[in-house]
Amino acid sequence: MTLKDIAKEANVSVMTVSNVINKKYSKVSLDTIKRVNKIIAKHNYTPNMTARSLSQKSSKIVAVIISICEGDEQENYLENPFVSTIIGITENLLRQNGYYTMVCSIQSFEEIMKLLDDWNLDGIMFLTPVYIREIENYSSKIKCPVLIFDGELSCKDVISIIADDEKGLYLSTNYLVQNGHKHIAFVANYKGNALLTRRFNGYVKALNENGITINKDYILEHSPNYEEGIIVGKYISSQLKEVTAVVTTADICAIGIMEGAKLNGYDIPNDLSVIGFDNLKLCSYVTPKLSSISQQIDNKTKIGINTLIKCMNGKKDIEKSIVIDVSLIERQSVINLKNQTE
């Protein structure tokens, strides 16, 4: 079954059939639309997407690109609940708007350029990208709209959406101080990572404002994942016993820290208070329930993707530099030391 076959059976032109398939109804009568759609349904006709891509110069494909760090080549990034949550929301929203999601991981900027050469993409979303400066310098040569998720760019042609990361760690650190904690550790390998550095700056700002001297021994430069969190939890509970609280840059790391400390006999939060970042659903699945910084992941993703869709549809004068507010979600993983001394 081809467009010509449908046109012949419906007694209309091929152009009319094409207009119906592409929902260009302005020049087609309602009776003709119903007649053509009935024939399409009867024959289970599916348009050839490759042909449509060539004729319309639109593939309806949006690439979601995940950067792989050196040494993580074998890692399954979809096991990370933060990544899988964002991709799930992205795919759902793109599908509702008639687009297809292509998820791919890259290890170098050269792979990004090859991807752009090999595929006719309608849009690109970089999820927590590593090659920010390269993307910024190359953006003028990218022919489709680009969304940088969790990356801050000065380039006006690229959509960038971030959370107020510094405020997030300021809130979590300050909250611990207000609950009587003075020996507070920070966990993340922030050096060279703009996002984690912004969060580290929030930690430093809160300590400075409260007159607490920054102890370099409390800055634990570990990757903010579950496995490294366990290592940190074990270390704090055996080597840094004066530390009463920890702020992290990811919920999954915070959960690992709680587990590592528990393995050494710690009671959470009585022996160690912990605050995460992201406010993923799994915060309510652990014991005790994890207090966390909410960066409104659902809303953040929807705003970013909707802005990308507007750009793909040719909309102009759109705000492309977006900062999402954050808030502290209190649960059960922090103890008030002031209550213990009263």
Protein backbone atom coordinates (compact mmCIF):
# COMPACT_ATOMS: atom_id res chain seq x y z
CA MET A 1 0.00 0.00 0.00
CA THR A 2 1.38 3.35 -1.11
CA LEU A 3 0.14 6.94 -1.13
CA LYS A 4 -0.89 6.44 -4.77
CA ASP A 5 -2.97 3.39 -3.83
CA ILE A 6 -4.74 5.27 -1.05
CA ALA A 7 -5.33 8.25 -3.35
CA LYS A 8 -6.79 6.01 -6.06
CA GLU A 9 -9.14 4.25 -3.63
CA ALA A 10 -10.26 7.54 -2.08
CA ASN A 11 -10.55 9.20 -5.48
CA VAL A 12 -8.35 12.12 -4.44
CA SER A 13 -4.87 13.37 -5.29
CA VAL A 14 -1.67 12.09 -3.70
CA MET A 15 -1.13 15.60 -2.28
CA THR A 16 -4.50 15.41 -0.52
CA VAL A 17 -3.56 12.09 1.09
CA SER A 18 -0.23 13.57 2.15
CA ASN A 19 -2.00 16.56 3.72
CA VAL A 20 -4.30 14.26 5.69
CA ILE A 21 -1.42 12.11 6.94
CA ASN A 22 0.52 15.21 8.01
CA LYS A 23 -2.60 16.75 9.57
CA LYS A 24 -2.59 19.72 7.20
CA TYR A 25 -6.35 20.01 7.14
CA SER A 26 -6.80 23.62 5.99
CA LYS A 27 -7.29 22.65 2.33
CA VAL A 28 -9.10 19.33 2.90
CA SER A 29 -12.81 18.87 3.57
CA LEU A 30 -13.97 16.99 6.66
CA ASP A 31 -15.60 14.24 4.53
CA THR A 32 -12.34 13.70 2.63
CA ILE A 33 -10.34 13.54 5.88
CA LYS A 34 -12.69 10.86 7.23
CA ARG A 35 -12.65 8.89 3.96
CA VAL A 36 -8.83 8.90 3.70
CA ASN A 37 -8.33 7.99 7.36
CA LYS A 38 -10.81 5.13 7.01
CA ILE A 39 -8.81 3.69 4.11
CA ILE A 40 -5.53 4.16 6.00
CA ALA A 41 -6.98 2.29 9.01
CA LYS A 42 -8.44 -0.48 6.82
CA HIS A 43 -5.04 -1.24 5.27
CA ASN A 44 -3.01 -0.55 8.46
CA TYR A 45 -0.95 1.89 6.43
CA THR A 46 2.13 3.35 8.16
CA PRO A 47 3.99 6.24 6.52
CA ASN A 48 7.63 5.64 5.64
CA MET A 49 9.44 7.80 8.18
CA THR A 50 12.63 7.96 6.14
CA ALA A 51 10.74 9.25 3.13
CA ARG A 52 8.85 11.76 5.28
CA SER A 53 12.11 12.92 6.78
CA LEU A 54 13.57 13.59 3.34
CA SER A 55 10.48 15.30 1.94
CA GLN A 56 9.75 17.47 4.97
CA LYS A 57 13.38 18.01 5.99
CA SER A 58 12.27 16.93 9.47
CA SER A 59 13.08 13.59 11.07
CA LYS A 60 11.00 14.14 14.23
CA ILE A 61 14.00 12.70 16.09
CA VAL A 62 15.44 14.37 19.18
CA ALA A 63 18.74 13.04 20.50
CA VAL A 64 19.34 12.84 24.25
CA ILE A 65 23.11 12.71 24.71
CA ILE A 66 24.71 11.41 27.89
CA SER A 67 28.40 12.13 28.47
CA ILE A 68 30.47 9.17 29.63
CA CYS A 69 33.43 10.02 31.84
CA GLU A 70 36.75 8.25 31.45
CA GLY A 71 36.68 4.92 33.27
CA ASP A 72 32.87 4.65 33.17
CA GLU A 73 32.62 3.05 29.73
CA GLN A 74 30.89 -0.08 31.08
CA GLU A 75 28.50 1.78 33.35
CA ASN A 76 24.76 1.51 32.71
CA TYR A 77 23.67 5.11 33.05
CA LEU A 78 19.99 4.18 33.03
CA GLU A 79 20.51 2.54 36.42
CA ASN A 80 21.04 6.04 37.78
CA PRO A 81 17.56 7.08 38.99
CA PHE A 82 18.27 10.75 38.28
CA VAL A 83 19.12 10.04 34.64
CA SER A 84 16.30 7.53 34.09
CA THR A 85 13.74 9.89 35.63
CA ILE A 86 14.70 12.72 33.27
CA ILE A 87 14.79 10.46 30.20
CA GLY A 88 11.39 9.01 31.09
CA ILE A 89 9.80 12.47 31.37
CA THR A 90 11.57 13.62 28.20
CA GLU A 91 10.45 10.64 26.10
CA ASN A 92 6.86 10.96 27.28
CA LEU A 93 6.65 14.66 26.50
CA LEU A 94 8.36 14.36 23.10
CA ARG A 95 6.11 11.45 22.14
CA GLN A 96 3.00 13.46 23.03
CA ASN A 97 4.25 16.14 20.63
CA GLY A 98 4.97 13.77 17.76
CA TYR A 99 8.72 13.35 18.26
CA TYR A 100 10.91 10.29 18.74
CA THR A 101 13.65 10.09 21.38
CA MET A 102 17.07 8.72 20.53
CA VAL A 103 19.24 8.11 23.60
CA CYS A 104 22.96 7.83 23.03
CA SER A 105 26.12 8.08 25.11
CA ILE A 106 29.33 9.69 23.96
CA GLN A 107 32.92 9.65 25.20
CA SER A 108 34.36 12.57 23.24
CA PHE A 109 33.35 15.76 21.50
CA GLU A 110 34.39 14.16 18.20
CA GLU A 111 31.60 11.61 18.71
CA ILE A 112 29.11 14.46 19.07
CA MET A 113 30.22 15.96 15.74
CA LYS A 114 29.97 12.56 14.05
CA LEU A 115 26.47 12.12 15.44
CA LEU A 116 25.45 15.48 13.98
CA ASP A 117 26.90 14.52 10.59
CA ASP A 118 25.28 11.07 10.52
CA TRP A 119 21.77 11.94 11.69
CA ASN A 120 19.15 14.42 10.56
CA LEU A 121 18.08 15.59 14.02
CA ASP A 122 15.29 18.02 14.82
CA GLY A 123 16.76 18.78 18.23
CA ILE A 124 19.42 17.80 20.76
CA MET A 125 19.38 17.61 24.53
CA PHE A 126 22.71 17.29 26.36
CA LEU A 127 22.15 15.73 29.77
CA THR A 128 24.76 16.91 32.33
CA PRO A 129 27.31 17.52 29.54
CA VAL A 130 31.06 17.38 30.05
CA TYR A 131 32.02 19.32 26.90
CA ILE A 132 30.31 22.62 27.74
CA ARG A 133 32.91 24.96 26.22
CA GLU A 134 33.27 22.87 23.05
CA ILE A 135 29.50 22.81 22.58
CA GLU A 136 29.37 26.57 23.08
CA ASN A 137 32.11 27.19 20.52
CA TYR A 138 30.54 24.81 17.99
CA SER A 139 26.91 25.90 18.55
CA SER A 140 26.76 28.17 15.52
CA LYS A 141 27.46 25.18 13.28
CA ILE A 142 24.71 23.02 14.80
CA LYS A 143 21.69 23.27 12.51
CA CYS A 144 19.02 22.26 15.04
CA PRO A 145 17.94 23.68 18.44
CA VAL A 146 20.07 22.59 21.41
CA LEU A 147 19.10 22.17 25.06
CA ILE A 148 21.79 21.93 27.73
CA PHE A 149 20.41 20.28 30.86
CA ASP A 150 22.41 21.20 33.98
CA GLY A 151 24.91 23.21 32.01
CA GLU A 152 25.34 26.98 32.18
CA LEU A 153 26.23 28.69 28.88
CA SER A 154 26.55 32.30 27.83
CA CYS A 155 25.62 31.44 24.24
CA LYS A 156 22.28 33.05 23.39
CA ASP A 157 21.50 30.47 20.68
CA VAL A 158 21.48 27.52 23.09
CA ILE A 159 18.82 26.71 25.68
CA SER A 160 20.34 26.10 29.11
CA ILE A 161 18.38 25.04 32.16
CA ILE A 162 19.90 24.63 35.61
CA ALA A 163 18.77 24.53 39.21
CA ASP A 164 19.91 27.16 41.69
CA ASP A 165 22.66 24.76 42.75
CA GLU A 166 24.50 27.11 45.11
CA LYS A 167 21.29 27.91 46.95
CA GLY A 168 20.56 24.19 47.27
CA LEU A 169 23.71 23.35 49.22
CA TYR A 170 23.40 26.59 51.16
CA LEU A 171 19.94 25.53 52.31
CA SER A 172 20.99 22.01 53.32
CA THR A 173 24.17 23.15 55.12
CA ASN A 174 22.45 26.05 56.88
CA TYR A 175 19.62 23.74 57.96
CA LEU A 176 22.13 21.44 59.64
CA VAL A 177 23.80 24.37 61.38
CA GLN A 178 20.42 25.56 62.66
CA ASN A 179 19.91 22.08 64.06
CA GLY A 180 23.09 22.34 66.10
CA HIS A 181 25.60 20.70 63.75
CA LYS A 182 29.06 22.24 63.42
CA HIS A 183 31.10 19.35 62.05
CA ILE A 184 29.55 18.99 58.60
CA ALA A 185 31.16 17.07 55.76
CA PHE A 186 30.70 17.75 52.03
CA VAL A 187 30.87 14.85 49.54
CA ALA A 188 31.56 15.31 45.81
CA ASN A 189 34.55 15.44 43.46
CA TYR A 190 33.66 19.00 42.57
CA LYS A 191 36.94 20.26 41.10
CA GLY A 192 36.65 20.77 37.34
CA ASN A 193 32.89 20.25 37.43
CA ALA A 194 30.92 23.51 37.16
CA LEU A 195 27.68 22.09 38.56
CA LEU A 196 29.30 20.46 41.60
CA THR A 197 31.43 23.55 42.17
CA ARG A 198 28.31 25.69 42.38
CA ARG A 199 26.97 23.33 45.03
CA PHE A 200 30.28 23.33 46.90
CA ASN A 201 30.17 27.12 46.94
CA GLY A 202 26.78 26.94 48.65
CA TYR A 203 28.26 24.71 51.36
CA VAL A 204 31.15 27.15 51.90
CA LYS A 205 28.83 30.17 51.96
CA ALA A 206 26.61 28.66 54.67
CA LEU A 207 29.57 27.76 56.88
CA ASN A 208 31.12 31.21 56.46
CA GLU A 209 27.89 33.01 57.29
CA ASN A 210 27.54 30.97 60.46
CA GLY A 211 31.13 31.56 61.57
CA ILE A 212 32.18 27.92 61.16
CA THR A 213 35.75 27.32 60.02
CA ILE A 214 36.00 25.14 56.92
CA ASN A 215 37.84 21.92 57.75
CA LYS A 216 39.58 20.49 54.67
CA ASP A 217 39.37 17.02 56.20
CA TYR A 218 35.59 17.26 55.92
CA ILE A 219 35.68 17.86 52.15
CA LEU A 220 35.54 14.33 50.75
CA GLU A 221 36.17 14.31 47.01
CA HIS A 222 34.34 11.19 45.94
CA SER A 223 32.09 10.68 42.95
CA PRO A 224 28.48 11.26 44.06
CA ASN A 225 27.18 7.75 43.42
CA TYR A 226 25.93 4.92 45.62
CA GLU A 227 29.13 2.86 45.70
CA GLU A 228 31.32 5.83 46.61
CA GLY A 229 28.71 6.85 49.16
CA ILE A 230 29.14 3.53 50.97
CA ILE A 231 32.91 4.10 51.08
CA VAL A 232 32.39 7.58 52.52
CA GLY A 233 29.89 6.32 55.09
CA LYS A 234 32.33 3.70 56.30
CA TYR A 235 35.15 6.23 56.41
CA ILE A 236 33.23 8.83 58.41
CA SER A 237 31.97 6.26 60.90
CA SER A 238 35.49 4.95 61.51
CA GLN A 239 37.92 7.82 60.86
CA LEU A 240 35.89 11.05 61.20
CA LYS A 241 33.71 10.29 64.19
CA GLU A 242 33.54 13.96 65.16
CA VAL A 243 31.49 14.60 62.00
CA THR A 244 27.80 14.66 62.92
CA ALA A 245 26.31 15.52 59.53
CA VAL A 246 26.89 15.23 55.77
CA VAL A 247 25.62 17.22 52.79
CA THR A 248 25.72 15.57 49.38
CA THR A 249 25.08 16.54 45.77
CA ALA A 250 22.95 13.49 44.90
CA ASP A 251 20.34 11.42 46.68
CA ILE A 252 21.88 8.15 45.52
CA CYS A 253 25.19 9.14 47.17
CA ALA A 254 23.41 10.13 50.40
CA ILE A 255 21.70 6.75 50.52
CA GLY A 256 25.07 5.06 50.04
CA ILE A 257 26.53 7.11 52.91
CA MET A 258 23.71 6.03 55.20
CA GLU A 259 24.25 2.40 54.27
CA GLY A 260 28.04 2.60 54.75
CA ALA A 261 27.65 4.19 58.18
CA LYS A 262 25.06 1.58 59.17
CA LEU A 263 27.48 -1.19 58.25
CA ASN A 264 29.82 0.20 60.93
CA GLY A 265 27.08 0.23 63.51
CA TYR A 266 25.90 3.84 63.14
CA ASP A 267 22.29 4.77 63.76
CA ILE A 268 20.90 7.28 61.26
CA PRO A 269 20.23 10.08 62.15
CA ASN A 270 21.24 9.77 65.81
CA ASP A 271 24.91 9.20 64.98
CA LEU A 272 25.01 10.88 61.57
CA SER A 273 22.56 13.24 59.85
CA VAL A 274 22.45 13.14 56.04
CA ILE A 275 20.84 15.39 53.40
CA GLY A 276 20.60 14.50 49.72
CA PHE A 277 20.05 16.52 46.54
CA ASP A 278 17.40 15.93 43.82
CA ASN A 279 14.45 14.77 45.94
CA LEU A 280 13.94 11.62 43.91
CA LYS A 281 11.05 9.29 44.79
CA LEU A 282 13.49 6.83 46.34
CA CYS A 283 14.04 9.31 49.22
CA SER A 284 10.77 8.01 50.65
CA TYR A 285 11.68 4.36 50.05
CA VAL A 286 14.68 4.21 52.42
CA THR A 287 14.87 4.06 56.21
CA PRO A 288 14.99 6.65 57.60
CA LYS A 289 13.32 8.66 54.86
CA LEU A 290 15.92 10.97 53.33
CA SER A 291 15.72 14.75 53.65
CA SER A 292 16.72 16.29 50.35
CA ILE A 293 16.97 19.41 48.21
CA SER A 294 14.22 19.48 45.59
CA GLN A 295 15.20 20.92 42.23
CA GLN A 296 11.72 20.19 40.83
CA ILE A 297 13.02 17.59 38.40
CA ASP A 298 9.63 16.99 36.73
CA ASN A 299 8.95 20.69 36.25
CA LYS A 300 12.55 21.44 35.28
CA THR A 301 12.52 18.75 32.59
CA LYS A 302 9.13 19.80 31.23
CA ILE A 303 10.15 23.46 31.01
CA GLY A 304 13.37 22.52 29.20
CA ILE A 305 11.69 20.16 26.72
CA ASN A 306 8.76 22.50 26.05
CA THR A 307 11.24 25.29 25.32
CA LEU A 308 13.13 22.97 22.95
CA ILE A 309 9.86 22.04 21.19
CA LYS A 310 8.99 25.71 20.74
CA CYS A 311 12.39 26.32 19.14
CA MET A 312 11.97 23.29 16.87
CA ASN A 313 8.62 24.72 15.79
CA GLY A 314 10.27 27.98 14.83
CA LYS A 315 9.17 30.14 17.75
CA LYS A 316 11.29 33.24 18.31
CA ASP A 317 11.99 35.51 21.30
CA ILE A 318 12.00 32.63 23.79
CA GLU A 319 13.77 32.82 27.14
CA LYS A 320 16.66 30.38 26.75
CA SER A 321 18.58 30.85 30.01
CA ILE A 322 16.46 29.25 32.72
CA VAL A 323 17.17 28.82 36.45
CA ILE A 324 14.86 26.63 38.55
CA ASP A 325 14.37 27.43 42.23
CA VAL A 326 15.16 24.84 44.90
CA SER A 327 13.77 24.02 48.33
CA LEU A 328 14.55 21.78 51.28
CA ILE A 329 12.25 18.80 51.81
CA GLU A 330 12.42 17.70 55.44
CA ARG A 331 11.98 14.03 56.25
CA GLN A 332 13.67 11.82 58.86
CA SER A 333 17.42 11.80 58.20
CA VAL A 334 18.42 14.82 60.33
CA ILE A 335 18.48 15.04 64.12
CA ASN A 336 18.31 18.30 66.07
CA LEU A 337 21.39 18.30 68.31
CA LYS A 338 20.08 21.31 70.21
CA ASN A 339 17.26 19.18 71.57
CA GLN A 340 19.79 16.65 72.85
CA THR A 341 21.71 19.24 74.88
CA GLU A 342 18.69 20.96 76.38
